[in-house]
């Protein structure tokens, strides 16, 4: 039983399960934030965007004519 209790703590004495619980309650992860920014705008996030650039360009060209 002692080994199991020791496994739940880091060498520095941090309780691993408590850290995991707090992380789960903390909100969005880094990647979730990047995805949200890509969907709603944001600099350097084009690779996460689901916007069809060609379709947008066609819509813009149609409005100019």
N, C-alpha and C. Protein backbone atom coordinates (compact mmCIF):
# COMPACT_ATOMS: atom_id res chain seq x y z
N UNK A 1 0.83 -1.20 0.00
CA UNK A 1 0.00 0.00 0.00
C UNK A 1 0.87 1.25 0.00
N UNK A 2 1.99 1.18 0.60
CA UNK A 2 2.89 2.33 0.66
C UNK A 2 3.37 2.73 -0.73
N UNK A 3 3.66 1.76 -1.59
CA UNK A 3 4.11 2.06 -2.95
C UNK A 3 3.03 2.77 -3.75
N UNK A 4 1.78 2.38 -3.55
CA UNK A 4 0.68 3.01 -4.28
C UNK A 4 0.53 4.47 -3.85
N UNK A 5 0.64 4.76 -2.57
CA UNK A 5 0.54 6.14 -2.10
C UNK A 5 1.71 6.97 -2.59
N UNK A 6 2.89 6.40 -2.61
CA UNK A 6 4.07 7.12 -3.09
C UNK A 6 3.95 7.44 -4.58
N UNK A 7 3.31 6.57 -5.34
CA UNK A 7 3.17 6.77 -6.78
C UNK A 7 2.26 7.95 -7.09
N UNK A 8 1.43 8.36 -6.16
CA UNK A 8 0.50 9.46 -6.38
C UNK A 8 1.16 10.82 -6.17
N UNK A 9 2.40 10.83 -5.70
CA UNK A 9 3.12 12.08 -5.45
C UNK A 9 4.36 12.15 -6.33
N UNK A 10 4.72 13.35 -6.76
CA UNK A 10 5.96 13.53 -7.51
C UNK A 10 7.12 13.56 -6.53
N UNK A 11 8.33 13.59 -7.05
CA UNK A 11 9.52 13.65 -6.20
C UNK A 11 9.52 14.92 -5.35
N UNK A 12 8.88 15.97 -5.85
CA UNK A 12 8.82 17.24 -5.11
C UNK A 12 7.69 17.26 -4.09
N UNK A 13 6.86 16.21 -4.08
CA UNK A 13 5.78 16.13 -3.12
C UNK A 13 4.44 16.63 -3.63
N UNK A 14 4.32 16.86 -4.92
CA UNK A 14 3.06 17.32 -5.50
C UNK A 14 2.11 16.15 -5.65
N UNK A 15 0.86 16.34 -5.24
CA UNK A 15 -0.14 15.30 -5.34
C UNK A 15 -0.68 15.29 -6.77
N UNK A 16 -0.36 14.26 -7.52
CA UNK A 16 -0.64 14.18 -8.95
C UNK A 16 -2.13 14.25 -9.25
N UNK A 17 -2.94 13.52 -8.50
CA UNK A 17 -4.38 13.50 -8.77
C UNK A 17 -5.01 14.88 -8.56
N UNK A 18 -4.50 15.64 -7.60
CA UNK A 18 -5.01 16.99 -7.37
C UNK A 18 -4.69 17.90 -8.55
N UNK A 19 -3.49 17.77 -9.09
CA UNK A 19 -3.10 18.57 -10.26
C UNK A 19 -3.97 18.22 -11.45
N UNK A 20 -4.21 16.94 -11.68
CA UNK A 20 -5.06 16.51 -12.80
C UNK A 20 -6.48 17.04 -12.65
N UNK A 21 -7.00 17.01 -11.43
CA UNK A 21 -8.36 17.50 -11.18
C UNK A 21 -8.44 19.00 -11.45
N UNK A 22 -7.46 19.75 -10.97
CA UNK A 22 -7.45 21.21 -11.18
C UNK A 22 -7.30 21.55 -12.66
N UNK A 23 -6.49 20.79 -13.39
CA UNK A 23 -6.35 21.01 -14.83
C UNK A 23 -7.67 20.77 -15.56
N UNK A 24 -8.39 19.75 -15.16
CA UNK A 24 -9.67 19.44 -15.80
C UNK A 24 -10.70 20.54 -15.55
N UNK A 25 -10.59 21.21 -14.41
CA UNK A 25 -11.54 22.27 -14.06
C UNK A 25 -11.11 23.64 -14.59
N UNK A 26 -9.92 23.74 -15.15
CA UNK A 26 -9.33 25.03 -15.49
C UNK A 26 -9.93 25.68 -16.73
N UNK A 27 -10.63 24.97 -17.56
CA UNK A 27 -11.20 25.56 -18.76
C UNK A 27 -10.59 24.96 -20.00
N UNK A 28 -10.43 25.78 -21.02
CA UNK A 28 -9.96 25.32 -22.32
C UNK A 28 -8.47 25.00 -22.29
N UNK A 29 -8.08 24.00 -23.06
CA UNK A 29 -6.66 23.69 -23.22
C UNK A 29 -6.06 24.63 -24.26
N UNK A 30 -4.76 24.62 -24.38
CA UNK A 30 -4.06 25.47 -25.34
C UNK A 30 -4.57 25.20 -26.76
N UNK A 31 -4.67 23.92 -27.13
CA UNK A 31 -5.13 23.57 -28.48
C UNK A 31 -6.60 23.92 -28.69
N UNK A 32 -7.42 23.81 -27.66
CA UNK A 32 -8.82 24.20 -27.79
C UNK A 32 -8.95 25.70 -28.04
N UNK A 33 -8.10 26.49 -27.38
CA UNK A 33 -8.11 27.93 -27.59
C UNK A 33 -7.67 28.26 -29.02
N UNK A 34 -6.62 27.59 -29.50
CA UNK A 34 -6.16 27.82 -30.88
C UNK A 34 -7.27 27.50 -31.88
N UNK A 35 -7.97 26.41 -31.66
CA UNK A 35 -9.05 26.03 -32.57
C UNK A 35 -10.18 27.06 -32.53
N UNK A 36 -10.54 27.52 -31.34
CA UNK A 36 -11.59 28.51 -31.19
C UNK A 36 -11.21 29.82 -31.88
N UNK A 37 -9.97 30.24 -31.72
CA UNK A 37 -9.50 31.46 -32.39
C UNK A 37 -9.54 31.30 -33.91
N UNK A 38 -9.17 30.13 -34.39
CA UNK A 38 -9.17 29.90 -35.83
C UNK A 38 -10.58 29.97 -36.41
N UNK A 39 -11.53 29.49 -35.67
CA UNK A 39 -12.90 29.50 -36.15
C UNK A 39 -13.51 30.90 -36.11
N UNK A 40 -13.01 31.74 -35.21
CA UNK A 40 -13.58 33.08 -35.03
C UNK A 40 -12.64 34.19 -35.45
N UNK A 41 -11.51 33.87 -36.01
CA UNK A 41 -10.51 34.87 -36.39
C UNK A 41 -9.32 34.77 -35.46
N UNK A 42 -8.23 35.36 -35.86
CA UNK A 42 -7.02 35.31 -35.06
C UNK A 42 -5.82 35.21 -35.98
N UNK A 43 -4.71 35.81 -35.58
CA UNK A 43 -3.51 35.86 -36.41
C UNK A 43 -2.74 34.54 -36.35
N UNK A 44 -2.34 34.03 -37.49
CA UNK A 44 -1.51 32.82 -37.55
C UNK A 44 -2.24 31.53 -37.27
N UNK A 45 -3.54 31.51 -37.47
CA UNK A 45 -4.31 30.31 -37.15
C UNK A 45 -5.00 29.71 -38.37
N UNK A 46 -4.55 30.09 -39.55
CA UNK A 46 -5.21 29.63 -40.79
C UNK A 46 -5.27 28.12 -40.90
N UNK A 47 -4.25 27.42 -40.40
CA UNK A 47 -4.24 25.96 -40.54
C UNK A 47 -5.37 25.30 -39.75
N UNK A 48 -5.97 26.00 -38.80
CA UNK A 48 -7.07 25.45 -38.02
C UNK A 48 -8.43 25.89 -38.55
N UNK A 49 -8.43 26.77 -39.52
CA UNK A 49 -9.68 27.33 -40.02
C UNK A 49 -10.37 26.38 -40.99
N UNK A 50 -11.69 26.39 -40.95
CA UNK A 50 -12.46 25.58 -41.90
C UNK A 50 -13.07 26.46 -42.99
N UNK A 51 -12.55 27.68 -43.14
CA UNK A 51 -13.02 28.61 -44.17
C UNK A 51 -12.49 28.20 -45.53
N UNK A 52 -13.36 28.17 -46.52
CA UNK A 52 -12.95 27.88 -47.89
C UNK A 52 -12.54 29.20 -48.54
N UNK A 53 -11.24 29.41 -48.68
CA UNK A 53 -10.70 30.67 -49.19
C UNK A 53 -11.21 30.96 -50.59
N UNK A 54 -11.27 29.95 -51.44
CA UNK A 54 -11.73 30.13 -52.81
C UNK A 54 -13.18 30.61 -52.83
N UNK A 55 -14.01 30.04 -52.00
CA UNK A 55 -15.41 30.44 -51.93
C UNK A 55 -15.54 31.90 -51.48
N UNK A 56 -14.76 32.30 -50.52
CA UNK A 56 -14.81 33.68 -50.03
C UNK A 56 -14.36 34.63 -51.13
N UNK A 57 -13.30 34.28 -51.85
CA UNK A 57 -12.82 35.13 -52.94
C UNK A 57 -13.89 35.29 -54.02
N UNK A 58 -14.60 34.20 -54.34
CA UNK A 58 -15.66 34.26 -55.33
C UNK A 58 -16.80 35.16 -54.86
N UNK A 59 -17.13 35.09 -53.60
CA UNK A 59 -18.18 35.95 -53.05
C UNK A 59 -17.78 37.41 -53.13
N UNK A 60 -16.52 37.70 -52.84
CA UNK A 60 -16.03 39.08 -52.90
C UNK A 60 -16.06 39.59 -54.33
N UNK A 61 -15.60 38.77 -55.26
CA UNK A 61 -15.59 39.16 -56.67
C UNK A 61 -17.01 39.39 -57.18
N UNK A 62 -17.96 38.60 -56.75
CA UNK A 62 -19.35 38.74 -57.16
C UNK A 62 -19.95 40.06 -56.68
N UNK A 63 -19.54 40.52 -55.52
CA UNK A 63 -20.06 41.78 -54.98
C UNK A 63 -19.48 42.98 -55.70
N UNK A 64 -18.27 42.85 -56.24
CA UNK A 64 -17.62 43.97 -56.93
C UNK A 64 -18.24 44.24 -58.29
N UNK A 65 -18.84 43.22 -58.91
CA UNK A 65 -19.36 43.37 -60.27
C UNK A 65 -20.68 44.01 -60.30
